[in-house]
N, C-alpha and C. Protein backbone atom coordinates (compact mmCIF):
# COMPACT_ATOMS: atom_id res chain seq x y z
N UNK A 1 -82.31 -33.43 62.22
CA UNK A 1 -82.79 -33.27 63.66
C UNK A 1 -83.43 -31.94 64.01
N UNK A 2 -84.57 -31.90 64.51
CA UNK A 2 -85.29 -30.68 64.75
C UNK A 2 -85.52 -30.50 66.25
N UNK A 3 -86.00 -29.52 66.67
CA UNK A 3 -86.64 -29.28 67.98
C UNK A 3 -88.10 -29.07 67.92
N UNK A 4 -88.98 -29.75 68.82
CA UNK A 4 -90.34 -29.48 68.79
C UNK A 4 -90.59 -28.17 69.52
N UNK A 5 -91.78 -27.68 69.48
CA UNK A 5 -92.20 -26.49 70.16
C UNK A 5 -91.91 -26.47 71.81
N UNK A 6 -91.79 -27.75 72.36
CA UNK A 6 -91.62 -27.83 73.80
C UNK A 6 -89.99 -27.96 73.94
N UNK A 7 -89.34 -27.93 72.89
CA UNK A 7 -87.72 -28.02 73.12
C UNK A 7 -87.39 -29.48 72.99
N UNK A 8 -88.26 -30.46 72.83
CA UNK A 8 -87.85 -31.84 72.83
C UNK A 8 -87.20 -32.18 71.36
N UNK A 9 -86.28 -33.11 71.27
CA UNK A 9 -85.66 -33.49 70.11
C UNK A 9 -86.52 -34.27 69.17
N UNK A 10 -86.60 -34.00 67.81
CA UNK A 10 -87.36 -34.70 67.08
C UNK A 10 -86.46 -35.32 65.88
N UNK A 11 -86.61 -36.67 65.68
CA UNK A 11 -85.88 -37.29 64.61
C UNK A 11 -86.74 -37.78 63.54
N UNK A 12 -86.25 -37.78 62.41
CA UNK A 12 -87.04 -38.04 61.28
C UNK A 12 -86.52 -39.58 60.73
N UNK A 13 -87.18 -40.25 59.76
CA UNK A 13 -86.89 -41.42 59.10
C UNK A 13 -85.54 -41.40 58.53
N UNK A 14 -85.24 -40.20 57.81
CA UNK A 14 -83.83 -40.05 57.17
C UNK A 14 -82.74 -40.14 58.25
N UNK A 15 -82.85 -39.57 59.43
CA UNK A 15 -81.88 -39.71 60.37
C UNK A 15 -81.68 -40.95 61.01
N UNK A 16 -82.71 -41.69 61.15
CA UNK A 16 -82.60 -43.06 61.91
C UNK A 16 -82.33 -44.14 60.94
N UNK A 17 -82.46 -43.90 59.57
CA UNK A 17 -82.38 -44.87 58.49
C UNK A 17 -83.48 -45.87 58.33
N UNK A 18 -84.62 -45.62 58.87
CA UNK A 18 -85.85 -46.41 58.68
C UNK A 18 -87.14 -45.66 59.04
N UNK A 19 -88.29 -46.23 58.71
CA UNK A 19 -89.46 -45.47 58.87
C UNK A 19 -89.88 -45.56 60.48
N UNK A 20 -90.57 -44.47 60.79
CA UNK A 20 -91.12 -44.28 62.11
C UNK A 20 -92.18 -45.23 62.32
N UNK A 21 -92.41 -45.66 63.53
CA UNK A 21 -93.63 -46.41 63.78
C UNK A 21 -94.81 -45.47 63.94
N UNK A 22 -96.02 -46.03 63.60
CA UNK A 22 -97.12 -45.06 63.57
C UNK A 22 -97.35 -44.54 64.90
N UNK A 23 -97.37 -45.20 65.94
CA UNK A 23 -97.67 -44.83 67.48
C UNK A 23 -96.19 -44.47 68.16
N UNK A 24 -95.17 -45.37 67.89
CA UNK A 24 -94.00 -45.16 68.71
C UNK A 24 -92.82 -45.77 68.01
N UNK A 25 -91.67 -45.49 68.26
CA UNK A 25 -90.52 -45.95 67.65
C UNK A 25 -89.29 -46.14 68.60
N UNK A 26 -88.74 -47.44 68.88
CA UNK A 26 -87.76 -47.66 69.76
C UNK A 26 -86.46 -47.70 69.06
N UNK A 27 -85.59 -46.80 69.39
CA UNK A 27 -84.26 -46.41 68.55
C UNK A 27 -83.22 -46.95 69.56
N UNK A 28 -82.61 -48.08 69.07
CA UNK A 28 -81.48 -48.69 69.92
C UNK A 28 -80.13 -48.31 69.31
N UNK A 29 -79.07 -47.70 70.08
CA UNK A 29 -77.88 -47.54 69.57
C UNK A 29 -77.04 -48.56 70.25
N UNK A 30 -76.33 -49.30 69.37
CA UNK A 30 -75.61 -50.52 69.68
C UNK A 30 -74.24 -50.43 69.07
N UNK A 31 -73.33 -51.29 69.56
CA UNK A 31 -71.96 -51.62 68.97
C UNK A 31 -71.84 -53.03 68.96
N UNK A 32 -70.71 -53.42 67.96
CA UNK A 32 -70.53 -54.74 67.62
C UNK A 32 -70.29 -55.70 68.65
N UNK A 33 -69.52 -55.33 69.69
CA UNK A 33 -69.19 -56.35 70.64
C UNK A 33 -69.86 -56.23 71.96
N UNK A 34 -70.95 -55.61 71.82
CA UNK A 34 -71.71 -55.07 73.13
C UNK A 34 -72.75 -56.36 73.48
N UNK A 35 -72.29 -57.06 74.57
CA UNK A 35 -73.10 -58.08 74.96
C UNK A 35 -74.58 -57.79 75.36
N UNK A 36 -74.77 -56.59 76.30
CA UNK A 36 -75.92 -56.31 76.49
C UNK A 36 -76.97 -55.74 75.35
N UNK A 37 -76.27 -55.36 74.29
CA UNK A 37 -77.01 -54.94 73.16
C UNK A 37 -77.79 -56.06 72.55
N UNK A 38 -77.18 -57.26 72.56
CA UNK A 38 -78.03 -58.28 71.88
C UNK A 38 -79.16 -58.75 72.74
N UNK A 39 -79.16 -58.55 74.16
CA UNK A 39 -80.24 -58.91 74.92
C UNK A 39 -81.36 -57.74 74.83
N UNK A 40 -80.78 -56.56 74.71
CA UNK A 40 -81.67 -55.40 74.31
C UNK A 40 -82.49 -55.50 73.02
N UNK A 41 -81.68 -56.04 71.95
CA UNK A 41 -82.40 -56.20 70.68
C UNK A 41 -83.53 -57.23 70.88
N UNK A 42 -83.37 -58.41 71.66
CA UNK A 42 -84.43 -59.18 71.90
C UNK A 42 -85.63 -58.74 72.48
N UNK A 43 -85.40 -57.94 73.60
CA UNK A 43 -86.39 -57.27 74.39
C UNK A 43 -87.23 -56.38 73.60
N UNK A 44 -86.49 -55.40 72.83
CA UNK A 44 -87.30 -54.39 71.96
C UNK A 44 -87.94 -55.11 70.83
N UNK A 45 -87.30 -56.04 70.19
CA UNK A 45 -88.08 -56.76 69.11
C UNK A 45 -89.38 -57.52 69.66
N UNK A 46 -89.39 -58.14 70.87
CA UNK A 46 -90.52 -58.71 71.45
C UNK A 46 -91.62 -57.70 71.60
N UNK A 47 -91.19 -56.44 72.33
CA UNK A 47 -92.18 -55.54 72.78
C UNK A 47 -92.71 -55.05 71.40
N UNK A 48 -91.77 -54.54 70.54
CA UNK A 48 -92.51 -53.86 69.22
C UNK A 48 -93.33 -54.95 68.52
N UNK A 49 -93.15 -56.29 68.57
CA UNK A 49 -93.94 -57.17 67.88
C UNK A 49 -95.28 -57.30 68.83
N UNK A 50 -95.24 -56.93 70.00
CA UNK A 50 -96.62 -57.27 70.81
C UNK A 50 -97.62 -55.89 70.68
N UNK A 51 -97.04 -54.77 70.52
CA UNK A 51 -97.72 -53.58 70.41
C UNK A 51 -97.80 -52.91 69.01
N UNK A 52 -99.10 -52.97 68.36
CA UNK A 52 -99.22 -52.47 66.97
C UNK A 52 -98.85 -51.14 66.93
N UNK A 53 -98.25 -50.79 65.77
CA UNK A 53 -97.84 -49.38 65.51
C UNK A 53 -96.43 -49.03 66.16
N UNK A 54 -95.73 -49.95 66.72
CA UNK A 54 -94.44 -49.66 67.42
C UNK A 54 -93.39 -50.39 66.52
N UNK A 55 -92.48 -49.52 66.12
CA UNK A 55 -91.31 -50.02 65.29
C UNK A 55 -89.94 -50.03 66.28
N UNK A 56 -89.08 -51.04 65.87
CA UNK A 56 -87.83 -51.05 66.53
C UNK A 56 -86.72 -50.95 65.45
N UNK A 57 -85.82 -49.85 65.78
CA UNK A 57 -84.75 -49.59 64.78
C UNK A 57 -83.46 -49.60 65.63
N UNK A 58 -82.51 -50.45 65.16
CA UNK A 58 -81.25 -50.46 65.78
C UNK A 58 -80.20 -49.72 64.69
N UNK A 59 -79.28 -49.00 65.39
CA UNK A 59 -78.38 -48.11 64.84
C UNK A 59 -76.98 -48.55 65.21
N UNK A 60 -76.11 -48.76 64.44
CA UNK A 60 -74.62 -49.01 64.77
C UNK A 60 -74.15 -47.71 65.16
N UNK A 61 -73.73 -47.67 66.40
CA UNK A 61 -73.21 -46.35 67.00
C UNK A 61 -71.84 -46.03 66.28
N UNK A 62 -70.94 -47.03 65.83
CA UNK A 62 -69.84 -46.78 65.53
C UNK A 62 -69.95 -46.06 64.06
N UNK A 63 -71.00 -46.57 63.33
CA UNK A 63 -71.16 -46.10 61.87
C UNK A 63 -71.84 -44.84 61.82
N UNK A 64 -72.43 -44.37 62.80
CA UNK A 64 -73.25 -43.14 62.92
C UNK A 64 -72.76 -42.11 63.92
N UNK A 65 -71.50 -41.76 64.01
CA UNK A 65 -70.84 -40.99 65.12
C UNK A 65 -71.46 -39.67 65.06
N UNK A 66 -71.75 -38.96 63.82
CA UNK A 66 -72.29 -37.60 63.97
C UNK A 66 -73.72 -37.65 64.64
N UNK A 67 -74.40 -38.69 64.48
CA UNK A 67 -75.76 -38.80 65.25
C UNK A 67 -75.52 -38.97 66.54
N UNK A 68 -74.48 -39.84 66.99
CA UNK A 68 -74.33 -40.21 68.30
C UNK A 68 -73.84 -38.99 69.05
N UNK A 69 -73.05 -38.15 68.56
CA UNK A 69 -72.55 -36.96 69.13
C UNK A 69 -73.62 -36.01 69.24
N UNK A 70 -74.45 -35.85 68.37
CA UNK A 70 -75.51 -34.74 68.48
C UNK A 70 -76.59 -35.22 69.46
N UNK A 71 -76.92 -36.47 69.60
CA UNK A 71 -77.73 -36.77 70.62
C UNK A 71 -77.02 -37.20 72.00
N UNK A 72 -75.87 -37.03 72.08
CA UNK A 72 -75.01 -37.22 73.44
C UNK A 72 -75.15 -38.67 73.87
N UNK A 73 -75.03 -39.56 72.93
CA UNK A 73 -74.91 -41.00 73.28
C UNK A 73 -73.59 -41.38 73.89
N UNK A 74 -73.61 -41.76 75.32
CA UNK A 74 -72.46 -42.07 75.88
C UNK A 74 -71.85 -43.42 75.90
N UNK A 75 -72.94 -44.45 75.79
CA UNK A 75 -72.62 -45.85 75.90
C UNK A 75 -73.65 -46.66 75.21
N UNK A 76 -73.29 -47.74 75.00
CA UNK A 76 -74.30 -48.71 74.35
C UNK A 76 -74.69 -49.93 75.26
N UNK A 77 -75.78 -50.38 75.28
CA UNK A 77 -76.97 -49.85 74.49
C UNK A 77 -77.63 -48.66 75.17
N UNK A 78 -78.04 -47.72 74.28
CA UNK A 78 -78.89 -46.58 74.72
C UNK A 78 -80.03 -46.75 73.87
N UNK A 79 -81.28 -46.53 74.46
CA UNK A 79 -82.54 -46.67 73.75
C UNK A 79 -83.24 -45.28 73.78
N UNK A 80 -83.70 -44.78 72.87
CA UNK A 80 -84.55 -43.63 72.73
C UNK A 80 -85.89 -44.26 72.30
N UNK A 81 -86.93 -43.53 73.02
CA UNK A 81 -88.30 -43.94 72.81
C UNK A 81 -88.87 -42.64 72.08
N UNK A 82 -89.38 -42.76 70.84
CA UNK A 82 -89.97 -41.69 70.08
C UNK A 82 -91.42 -41.76 69.97
N UNK A 83 -92.13 -40.71 70.07
CA UNK A 83 -93.62 -40.78 69.78
C UNK A 83 -93.87 -40.78 68.30
N UNK A 84 -95.23 -40.84 68.00
CA UNK A 84 -95.36 -40.83 66.62
C UNK A 84 -94.91 -39.96 65.55
N UNK A 85 -94.59 -38.62 66.28
CA UNK A 85 -94.12 -37.51 65.49
C UNK A 85 -92.57 -37.69 65.29
N UNK A 86 -91.93 -38.52 66.27
CA UNK A 86 -90.38 -38.75 66.10
C UNK A 86 -89.75 -37.93 67.34
N UNK A 87 -90.66 -37.38 68.20
CA UNK A 87 -89.93 -36.59 69.27
C UNK A 87 -89.55 -37.61 70.35
N UNK A 88 -88.36 -37.24 70.92
CA UNK A 88 -87.79 -38.11 71.95
C UNK A 88 -88.50 -38.04 73.23
N UNK A 89 -89.34 -38.88 73.83
CA UNK A 89 -90.09 -38.84 74.93
C UNK A 89 -89.33 -39.60 76.25
N UNK A 90 -88.47 -40.61 75.89
CA UNK A 90 -87.79 -41.32 76.87
C UNK A 90 -86.39 -41.66 76.43
N UNK A 91 -85.50 -41.83 77.41
CA UNK A 91 -84.18 -42.30 77.12
C UNK A 91 -83.61 -43.05 78.15
N UNK A 92 -82.77 -44.20 77.83
CA UNK A 92 -82.37 -44.98 78.92
C UNK A 92 -81.10 -45.53 78.37
N UNK A 93 -79.98 -45.75 79.25
CA UNK A 93 -78.84 -46.44 78.88
C UNK A 93 -78.85 -47.83 79.64
N UNK A 94 -78.02 -48.71 79.07
CA UNK A 94 -78.02 -50.08 79.71
C UNK A 94 -79.21 -51.00 79.23
N UNK A 95 -79.09 -52.19 79.64
CA UNK A 95 -80.25 -53.30 79.23
C UNK A 95 -81.48 -52.91 79.99
N UNK A 96 -82.69 -52.65 79.09
CA UNK A 96 -83.79 -52.41 79.77
C UNK A 96 -84.62 -53.67 80.13
N UNK A 97 -85.51 -53.44 81.17
CA UNK A 97 -86.52 -54.39 81.46
C UNK A 97 -87.75 -54.37 80.65
N UNK A 98 -88.24 -55.46 80.16
CA UNK A 98 -89.34 -55.52 79.25
C UNK A 98 -90.49 -54.55 80.00
N UNK A 99 -90.94 -54.71 81.21
CA UNK A 99 -91.81 -53.86 81.83
C UNK A 99 -91.52 -52.39 81.73
N UNK A 100 -90.26 -51.89 81.75
CA UNK A 100 -89.84 -50.64 81.64
C UNK A 100 -90.20 -50.09 80.27
N UNK A 101 -89.90 -50.95 79.20
CA UNK A 101 -90.06 -50.46 77.86
C UNK A 101 -91.68 -50.47 77.46
N UNK A 102 -92.33 -51.24 78.04
CA UNK A 102 -93.77 -51.12 77.71
C UNK A 102 -94.33 -49.91 78.43
N UNK A 103 -93.88 -49.53 79.66
CA UNK A 103 -94.24 -48.23 80.41
C UNK A 103 -93.97 -46.97 79.49
N UNK A 104 -92.69 -47.22 78.88
CA UNK A 104 -92.29 -45.88 78.17
C UNK A 104 -93.08 -45.89 76.91
N UNK A 105 -93.51 -46.94 76.20
CA UNK A 105 -94.23 -46.94 75.24
C UNK A 105 -95.75 -46.24 75.49
N UNK A 106 -96.11 -46.64 76.72
CA UNK A 106 -97.33 -45.95 77.12
C UNK A 106 -97.31 -44.56 77.31
N UNK A 107 -96.12 -44.02 77.75
CA UNK A 107 -95.97 -42.55 77.79
C UNK A 107 -95.80 -42.04 76.46
N UNK A 108 -95.28 -42.70 75.47
CA UNK A 108 -95.11 -42.04 74.19
C UNK A 108 -96.41 -42.11 73.49
N UNK A 109 -97.40 -42.77 73.74
CA UNK A 109 -98.58 -42.96 73.01
C UNK A 109 -99.72 -42.29 73.69
N UNK A 110 -99.49 -41.79 74.84
CA UNK A 110 -100.45 -41.10 75.74
C UNK A 110 -100.77 -39.75 75.07
């Protein structure tokens, strides 16, 4: 994990365990028994399927406690929106609305 010149957190493919999307990446921190995590997964998969160059990566928070601590993830689901370079441009906890995810992607690719 690195910091960009503007101080934003930058994550690489090695840290999230998957390739970054060409335009944006939706990184979802989940836990096994989290009901809102399942609904969040469906929303993020649907949106990433609609927008070319956007990837969805789900991370099991319990299996990646070091990353959870470094990113100050306090609850699941938490979604980080990364731009094409891997910089965190948006962050939200709880189950997102589809319109909010689309708007966050718009901010990431602008």
